C-alpha atoms as a PDB file:
ATOM      1  CA  MET A   1      -2.401 -19.319  10.738  1.00  0.00           C
ATOM      2  CA  ARG A   2      -3.290 -23.025  11.122  1.00  0.00           C
ATOM      3  CA  LEU A   3      -5.442 -24.946  13.423  1.00  0.00           C
ATOM      4  CA  THR A   4      -4.639 -28.675  14.273  1.00  0.00           C
ATOM      5  CA  GLY A   5      -7.331 -31.103  13.086  1.00  0.00           C
ATOM      6  CA  ALA A   6      -9.393 -28.696  11.106  1.00  0.00           C
ATOM      7  CA  ILE A   7      -9.069 -26.079   8.400  1.00  0.00           C
ATOM      8  CA  GLY A   8      -9.026 -22.783  10.152  1.00  0.00           C
ATOM      9  CA  ILE A   9     -10.632 -19.757   8.637  1.00  0.00           C
ATOM     10  CA  CYS A  10     -11.457 -16.360   9.998  1.00  0.00           C
ATOM     11  CA  VAL A  11     -14.690 -14.539  10.855  1.00  0.00           C
ATOM     12  CA  ALA A  12     -13.972 -10.767  10.725  1.00  0.00           C
ATOM     13  CA  VAL A  13     -15.474  -8.910  13.615  1.00  0.00           C
ATOM     14  CA  PHE A  14     -15.420  -5.131  13.126  1.00  0.00           C
ATOM     15  CA  ALA A  15     -14.801  -3.473  16.520  1.00  0.00           C
ATOM     16  CA  PRO A  16     -14.008   0.066  17.339  1.00  0.00           C
ATOM     17  CA  PHE A  17     -10.373  -0.616  17.564  1.00  0.00           C
ATOM     18  CA  GLY A  18     -10.085  -2.492  14.234  1.00  0.00           C
ATOM     19  CA  ILE A  19     -10.551  -5.811  12.593  1.00  0.00           C
ATOM     20  CA  VAL A  20     -10.428  -8.852  14.972  1.00  0.00           C
ATOM     21  CA  ASN A  21      -9.987 -12.351  13.725  1.00  0.00           C
ATOM     22  CA  VAL A  22     -12.114 -15.107  15.347  1.00  0.00           C
ATOM     23  CA  PHE A  23     -11.401 -18.637  14.225  1.00  0.00           C
ATOM     24  CA  ARG A  24     -13.917 -21.343  13.542  1.00  0.00           C
ATOM     25  CA  GLN A  25     -14.102 -24.521  11.492  1.00  0.00           C
ATOM     26  CA  ALA A  26     -14.690 -24.578   7.696  1.00  0.00           C
ATOM     27  CA  PRO A  27     -15.485 -27.465   5.403  1.00  0.00           C
ATOM     28  CA  ALA A  28     -13.357 -26.673   2.462  1.00  0.00           C
ATOM     29  CA  LYS A  29     -10.550 -24.547   1.209  1.00  0.00           C
ATOM     30  CA  VAL A  30     -11.443 -21.242  -0.435  1.00  0.00           C
ATOM     31  CA  VAL A  31     -11.705 -21.143  -4.288  1.00  0.00           C
ATOM     32  CA  ILE A  32     -10.212 -17.965  -5.787  1.00  0.00           C
ATOM     33  CA  LYS A  33     -10.763 -17.117  -9.437  1.00  0.00           C
ATOM     34  CA  GLN A  34      -8.024 -14.634 -10.554  1.00  0.00           C
ATOM     35  CA  LEU A  35      -6.996 -12.441 -13.496  1.00  0.00           C
ATOM     36  CA  PRO A  36      -3.612 -11.161 -14.500  1.00  0.00           C
ATOM     37  CA  PRO A  37      -2.890  -7.444 -14.427  1.00  0.00           C
ATOM     38  CA  SER A  38      -2.865  -7.563 -18.278  1.00  0.00           C
ATOM     39  CA  ALA A  39      -6.607  -8.376 -18.219  1.00  0.00           C
ATOM     40  CA  PHE A  40      -7.287  -4.704 -17.099  1.00  0.00           C
ATOM     41  CA  PRO A  41      -6.422  -2.273 -19.949  1.00  0.00           C
ATOM     42  CA  GLU A  42      -7.419   0.725 -17.896  1.00  0.00           C
ATOM     43  CA  LEU A  43      -4.432   0.231 -15.520  1.00  0.00           C
ATOM     44  CA  PRO A  44      -1.576   2.690 -16.033  1.00  0.00           C
ATOM     45  CA  PRO A  45       1.318   0.786 -17.678  1.00  0.00           C
ATOM     46  CA  ARG A  46       3.799   1.621 -14.999  1.00  0.00           C
ATOM     47  CA  PHE A  47       1.574   0.295 -12.344  1.00  0.00           C
ATOM     48  CA  LYS A  48       0.820  -2.825 -14.329  1.00  0.00           C
ATOM     49  CA  VAL A  49       4.598  -3.571 -14.508  1.00  0.00           C
ATOM     50  CA  GLN A  50       4.827  -2.988 -10.767  1.00  0.00           C
ATOM     51  CA  LEU A  51       2.047  -5.575 -10.119  1.00  0.00           C
ATOM     52  CA  GLU A  52       3.578  -8.119 -12.424  1.00  0.00           C
ATOM     53  CA  THR A  53       6.935  -7.689 -10.656  1.00  0.00           C
ATOM     54  CA  ARG A  54       5.207  -8.516  -7.470  1.00  0.00           C
ATOM     55  CA  HIS A  55       3.710 -11.568  -9.115  1.00  0.00           C
ATOM     56  CA  CYS A  56       0.288 -10.258  -8.429  1.00  0.00           C
ATOM     57  CA  SER A  57      -2.956 -11.789  -9.717  1.00  0.00           C
ATOM     58  CA  ILE A  58      -6.276  -9.987  -9.120  1.00  0.00           C
ATOM     59  CA  PRO A  59      -8.980 -12.001  -7.289  1.00  0.00           C
ATOM     60  CA  GLN A  60     -12.402 -11.943  -8.600  1.00  0.00           C
ATOM     61  CA  VAL A  61     -15.836 -12.029  -6.819  1.00  0.00           C
ATOM     62  CA  GLU A  62     -17.942 -14.676  -8.475  1.00  0.00           C
ATOM     63  CA  ASP A  63     -21.261 -12.892  -8.073  1.00  0.00           C
ATOM     64  CA  SER A  64     -20.270  -9.678  -9.661  1.00  0.00           C
ATOM     65  CA  PHE A  65     -22.124  -8.871 -13.024  1.00  0.00           C
ATOM     66  CA  THR A  66     -22.697  -6.054 -15.574  1.00  0.00           C
ATOM     67  CA  SER A  67     -26.273  -5.034 -16.281  1.00  0.00           C
ATOM     68  CA  ASP A  68     -26.415  -7.477 -19.035  1.00  0.00           C
ATOM     69  CA  ARG A  69     -25.390 -10.340 -16.713  1.00  0.00           C
ATOM     70  CA  ARG A  70     -21.869 -10.634 -18.030  1.00  0.00           C
ATOM     71  CA  PRO A  71     -19.090 -11.253 -15.498  1.00  0.00           C
ATOM     72  CA  LYS A  72     -17.881  -8.040 -14.204  1.00  0.00           C
ATOM     73  CA  PRO A  73     -14.043  -7.740 -13.444  1.00  0.00           C
ATOM     74  CA  THR A  74     -13.445  -6.547  -9.900  1.00  0.00           C
ATOM     75  CA  ASN A  75     -10.847  -5.307  -7.493  1.00  0.00           C
ATOM     76  CA  VAL A  76      -9.247  -2.675  -9.636  1.00  0.00           C
ATOM     77  CA  ILE A  77     -10.384   0.894  -8.808  1.00  0.00           C
ATOM     78  CA  SER A  78      -9.270   4.498  -9.186  1.00  0.00           C
ATOM     79  CA  GLY A  79     -10.094   7.593  -7.165  1.00  0.00           C
ATOM     80  CA  ASP A  80      -8.724  10.532  -5.177  1.00  0.00           C
ATOM     81  CA  PHE A  81      -7.331   8.455  -2.309  1.00  0.00           C
ATOM     82  CA  ALA A  82      -4.927  11.064  -0.993  1.00  0.00           C
ATOM     83  CA  ALA A  83      -5.978  14.495  -2.126  1.00  0.00           C
ATOM     84  CA  LYS A  84      -8.998  15.999  -3.860  1.00  0.00           C
ATOM     85  CA  GLY A  85      -8.705  15.979  -7.629  1.00  0.00           C
ATOM     86  CA  GLN A  86      -5.748  13.503  -7.626  1.00  0.00           C
ATOM     87  CA  THR A  87      -6.172  10.315  -9.589  1.00  0.00           C
ATOM     88  CA  ASP A  88      -4.742   7.302  -7.776  1.00  0.00           C
ATOM     89  CA  TRP A  89      -5.202   3.544  -8.486  1.00  0.00           C
ATOM     90  CA  ALA A  90      -5.722   0.650  -6.081  1.00  0.00           C
ATOM     91  CA  VAL A  91      -5.597  -3.126  -6.803  1.00  0.00           C
ATOM     92  CA  LEU A  92      -6.372  -6.159  -4.705  1.00  0.00           C
ATOM     93  CA  CYS A  93      -3.191  -8.147  -5.284  1.00  0.00           C
ATOM     94  CA  HIS A  94      -3.023 -11.891  -4.490  1.00  0.00           C
ATOM     95  CA  ALA A  95       0.469 -13.450  -4.265  1.00  0.00           C
ATOM     96  CA  ASP A  96       2.086 -16.142  -2.173  1.00  0.00           C
ATOM     97  CA  GLY A  97      -1.130 -17.137  -0.367  1.00  0.00           C
ATOM     98  CA  HIS A  98      -2.010 -13.637   0.730  1.00  0.00           C
ATOM     99  CA  SER A  99      -4.207 -10.809  -0.703  1.00  0.00           C
ATOM    100  CA  SER A 100      -3.518  -7.113   0.061  1.00  0.00           C
ATOM    101  CA  VAL A 101      -4.436  -3.725  -1.395  1.00  0.00           C
ATOM    102  CA  ILE A 102      -1.582  -2.100  -3.438  1.00  0.00           C
ATOM    103  CA  VAL A 103      -1.964   1.554  -4.255  1.00  0.00           C
ATOM    104  CA  SER A 104      -0.255   3.515  -7.065  1.00  0.00           C
ATOM    105  CA  TRP A 105      -0.222   7.273  -6.353  1.00  0.00           C
ATOM    106  CA  GLY A 106      -0.930   9.890  -8.946  1.00  0.00           C
ATOM    107  CA  ALA A 107       1.268  12.360  -7.094  1.00  0.00           C
ATOM    108  CA  PRO A 108       3.928  12.131  -4.334  1.00  0.00           C
ATOM    109  CA  THR A 109       2.183  10.769  -1.302  1.00  0.00           C
ATOM    110  CA  THR A 110       3.656   9.584   2.086  1.00  0.00           C
ATOM    111  CA  CYS A 111       0.942   6.952   2.963  1.00  0.00           C
ATOM    112  CA  PRO A 112       2.222   3.289   2.461  1.00  0.00           C
ATOM    113  CA  THR A 113       1.464   1.784  -0.813  1.00  0.00           C
ATOM    114  CA  GLN A 114       0.316  -1.620   0.682  1.00  0.00           C
ATOM    115  CA  ILE A 115      -2.349  -2.117   3.167  1.00  0.00           C
ATOM    116  CA  HIS A 116      -4.437  -4.768   4.916  1.00  0.00           C
ATOM    117  CA  SER A 117      -2.832  -8.119   4.041  1.00  0.00           C
ATOM    118  CA  ILE A 118      -4.947 -11.165   4.657  1.00  0.00           C
ATOM    119  CA  ASP A 119      -3.885 -14.806   4.520  1.00  0.00           C
ATOM    120  CA  ASP A 120      -5.919 -17.235   2.433  1.00  0.00           C
ATOM    121  CA  SER A 121      -6.556 -19.351   5.447  1.00  0.00           C
ATOM    122  CA  ASP A 122      -8.337 -16.398   7.042  1.00  0.00           C
ATOM    123  CA  ILE A 123     -11.152 -16.126   4.444  1.00  0.00           C
ATOM    124  CA  GLU A 124     -14.618 -16.865   5.681  1.00  0.00           C
ATOM    125  CA  TYR A 125     -16.241 -18.442   2.657  1.00  0.00           C
ATOM    126  CA  ARG A 126     -15.488 -21.235   0.246  1.00  0.00           C
ATOM    127  CA  THR A 127     -15.678 -18.678  -2.505  1.00  0.00           C
ATOM    128  CA  PHE A 128     -13.786 -15.400  -2.511  1.00  0.00           C
ATOM    129  CA  THR A 129     -15.998 -12.486  -1.380  1.00  0.00           C
ATOM    130  CA  ARG A 130     -13.340  -9.691  -0.630  1.00  0.00           C
ATOM    131  CA  GLU A 131     -13.805  -6.719  -2.861  1.00  0.00           C
ATOM    132  CA  ILE A 132     -12.557  -3.119  -2.831  1.00  0.00           C
ATOM    133  CA  HIS A 133     -14.518  -0.076  -3.789  1.00  0.00           C
ATOM    134  CA  LYS A 134     -14.095   3.758  -3.943  1.00  0.00           C
ATOM    135  CA  SER A 135     -15.772   5.396  -0.869  1.00  0.00           C
ATOM    136  CA  ARG A 136     -16.617   9.100  -1.127  1.00  0.00           C
ATOM    137  CA  PRO A 137     -16.622  11.396   1.907  1.00  0.00           C
ATOM    138  CA  LYS A 138     -20.430  11.302   2.151  1.00  0.00           C
ATOM    139  CA  GLN A 139     -20.385   7.468   1.966  1.00  0.00           C
ATOM    140  CA  ILE A 140     -17.894   7.361   4.708  1.00  0.00           C
ATOM    141  CA  GLN A 141     -19.876   9.708   6.804  1.00  0.00           C
ATOM    142  CA  GLY A 142     -22.881   7.509   6.172  1.00  0.00           C
ATOM    143  CA  TRP A 143     -21.460   4.622   8.197  1.00  0.00           C
ATOM    144  CA  LEU A 144     -21.261   6.892  11.244  1.00  0.00           C
ATOM    145  CA  GLU A 145     -24.969   7.940  11.223  1.00  0.00           C
ATOM    146  CA  VAL A 146     -26.855   6.677  14.207  1.00  0.00           C
ATOM    147  CA  ASN A 147     -29.444   3.876  13.568  1.00  0.00           C
ATOM    148  CA  PRO A 148     -32.246   4.374  16.022  1.00  0.00           C
ATOM    149  CA  ASP A 149     -32.231   0.722  16.925  1.00  0.00           C
ATOM    150  CA  ILE A 150     -28.559  -0.161  16.999  1.00  0.00           C
ATOM    151  CA  GLY A 151     -26.584   2.908  16.892  1.00  0.00           C
ATOM    152  CA  PRO A 152     -23.879   3.622  14.289  1.00  0.00           C
ATOM    153  CA  LEU A 153     -22.864   0.816  11.907  1.00  0.00           C
ATOM    154  CA  GLY A 154     -19.252   2.067  11.781  1.00  0.00           C
ATOM    155  CA  SER A 155     -16.548   3.590  13.937  1.00  0.00           C
ATOM    156  CA  TRP A 156     -13.014   4.973  13.561  1.00  0.00           C
ATOM    157  CA  ALA A 157     -10.117   3.154  15.489  1.00  0.00           C
ATOM    158  CA  THR A 158      -8.672   6.688  15.536  1.00  0.00           C
ATOM    159  CA  PRO A 159     -10.337   9.442  13.354  1.00  0.00           C
ATOM    160  CA  PRO A 160      -8.091  11.299  10.848  1.00  0.00           C
ATOM    161  CA  PRO A 161      -6.988  14.791  11.924  1.00  0.00           C
ATOM    162  CA  GLU A 162      -9.407  16.601   9.557  1.00  0.00           C
ATOM    163  CA  PHE A 163     -12.405  14.500  10.694  1.00  0.00           C
ATOM    164  CA  PRO A 164     -15.378  15.293  10.296  1.00  0.00           C
ATOM    165  CA  LYS A 165     -14.422  17.421   7.252  1.00  0.00           C
ATOM    166  CA  LEU A 166     -13.085  14.725   4.994  1.00  0.00           C
ATOM    167  CA  THR A 167     -11.723  16.120   1.733  1.00  0.00           C
ATOM    168  CA  HIS A 168     -11.227  12.970  -0.522  1.00  0.00           C
ATOM    169  CA  SER A 169     -12.168   9.339  -1.002  1.00  0.00           C
ATOM    170  CA  GLY A 170     -11.187   6.309   0.970  1.00  0.00           C
ATOM    171  CA  ILE A 171     -10.685   2.627  -0.003  1.00  0.00           C
ATOM    172  CA  ASP A 172     -13.592   0.362   1.076  1.00  0.00           C
ATOM    173  CA  ASP A 173     -12.271  -3.145   1.690  1.00  0.00           C
ATOM    174  CA  ALA A 174     -15.491  -5.167   1.952  1.00  0.00           C
ATOM    175  CA  GLN A 175     -15.593  -8.794   3.328  1.00  0.00           C
ATOM    176  CA  GLY A 176     -18.700 -10.152   1.769  1.00  0.00           C
ATOM    177  CA  ASN A 177     -21.812  -9.775   3.997  1.00  0.00           C
ATOM    178  CA  LEU A 178     -19.763  -9.498   7.276  1.00  0.00           C
ATOM    179  CA  GLY A 179     -18.845  -5.808   6.786  1.00  0.00           C
ATOM    180  CA  GLY A 180     -15.583  -4.253   6.053  1.00  0.00           C
ATOM    181  CA  GLY A 181     -13.116  -1.449   6.694  1.00  0.00           C
ATOM    182  CA  ILE A 182     -12.568   1.876   4.880  1.00  0.00           C
ATOM    183  CA  PHE A 183      -8.985   3.009   4.729  1.00  0.00           C
ATOM    184  CA  TYR A 184      -8.480   6.783   4.571  1.00  0.00           C
ATOM    185  CA  CYS A 185      -5.069   8.360   3.832  1.00  0.00           C
ATOM    186  CA  SER A 186      -4.104  11.325   5.753  1.00  0.00           C
ATOM    187  CA  HIS A 187      -0.776  12.996   6.742  1.00  0.00           C
ATOM    188  CA  GLY A 188       1.302   9.858   5.869  1.00  0.00           C
ATOM    189  CA  HIS A 189      -1.028   7.453   7.748  1.00  0.00           C
ATOM    190  CA  TRP A 190      -3.950   5.211   6.939  1.00  0.00           C
ATOM    191  CA  TYR A 191      -6.938   5.687   9.305  1.00  0.00           C
ATOM    192  CA  THR A 192      -9.550   2.780   9.429  1.00  0.00           C
ATOM    193  CA  LEU A 193     -13.176   3.054   9.883  1.00  0.00           C
ATOM    194  CA  SER A 194     -14.650  -0.496  10.512  1.00  0.00           C
ATOM    195  CA  TYR A 195     -18.224  -1.135   9.801  1.00  0.00           C
ATOM    196  CA  HIS A 196     -20.618  -4.100   9.976  1.00  0.00           C
ATOM    197  CA  ILE A 197     -23.620  -5.039   7.952  1.00  0.00           C
ATOM    198  CA  GLU A 198     -27.053  -4.736   9.767  1.00  0.00           C
END
C-alpha cells in the first residue's frame, strides 16, 4: 500500500477481531538485515531447498544477542505447531517486498504452510522488529489472564475448538513493542490470538 506525498507505514493495532493497520507518516524506509537459509545449519535440508526455491531470505532483528553479546540469528524456530510431540519448523521468509511465516510440517497437516504476509511498506520502524517465537500452551493462556487495571492483554478472534484445553504450541509473531499475534493450528485452520504490550 502507498500514500501520496509521504512514505506510508503501518501501526498494528491488535483488536479482538484481528490485526488492524492504521497508517501514519514515517521519516525513512525500513532497513532490513537478512541472512540466506544456508546460514541456518539446523534447518532440515528439504525445507532449506523449499525456502531457496521461494527466493526467501530471513530478516534479522538488530537488537538480538547471545549471552556473550554476539549477534543472535533470529526468525527460525521449531516446535510442535500442529500436534503434541510433533517437530515442525517455521521461518520468517522475506521475498519480493513482503515477509510471511512459512511452516514445514513434521507430519501430514492440513493447516496452510504460509501465514500472515506483511508488505515492507507496512512496517512501523526504520529497523526491522518483527520476530517469531514458539509459544507454549501456558504462554498462550497467559495473554488471556485478566490484568486488574486494564483487563486481559490478549483475545481470540475466534478460539480454536479445543480451547481452553490447548494441546500444542503456537507461533508468536511479535511486532516490536506494539504487540503481536499468536497463530494456533487446529483442524486445518489457523486461529489467531492478538495481544498488545502493556
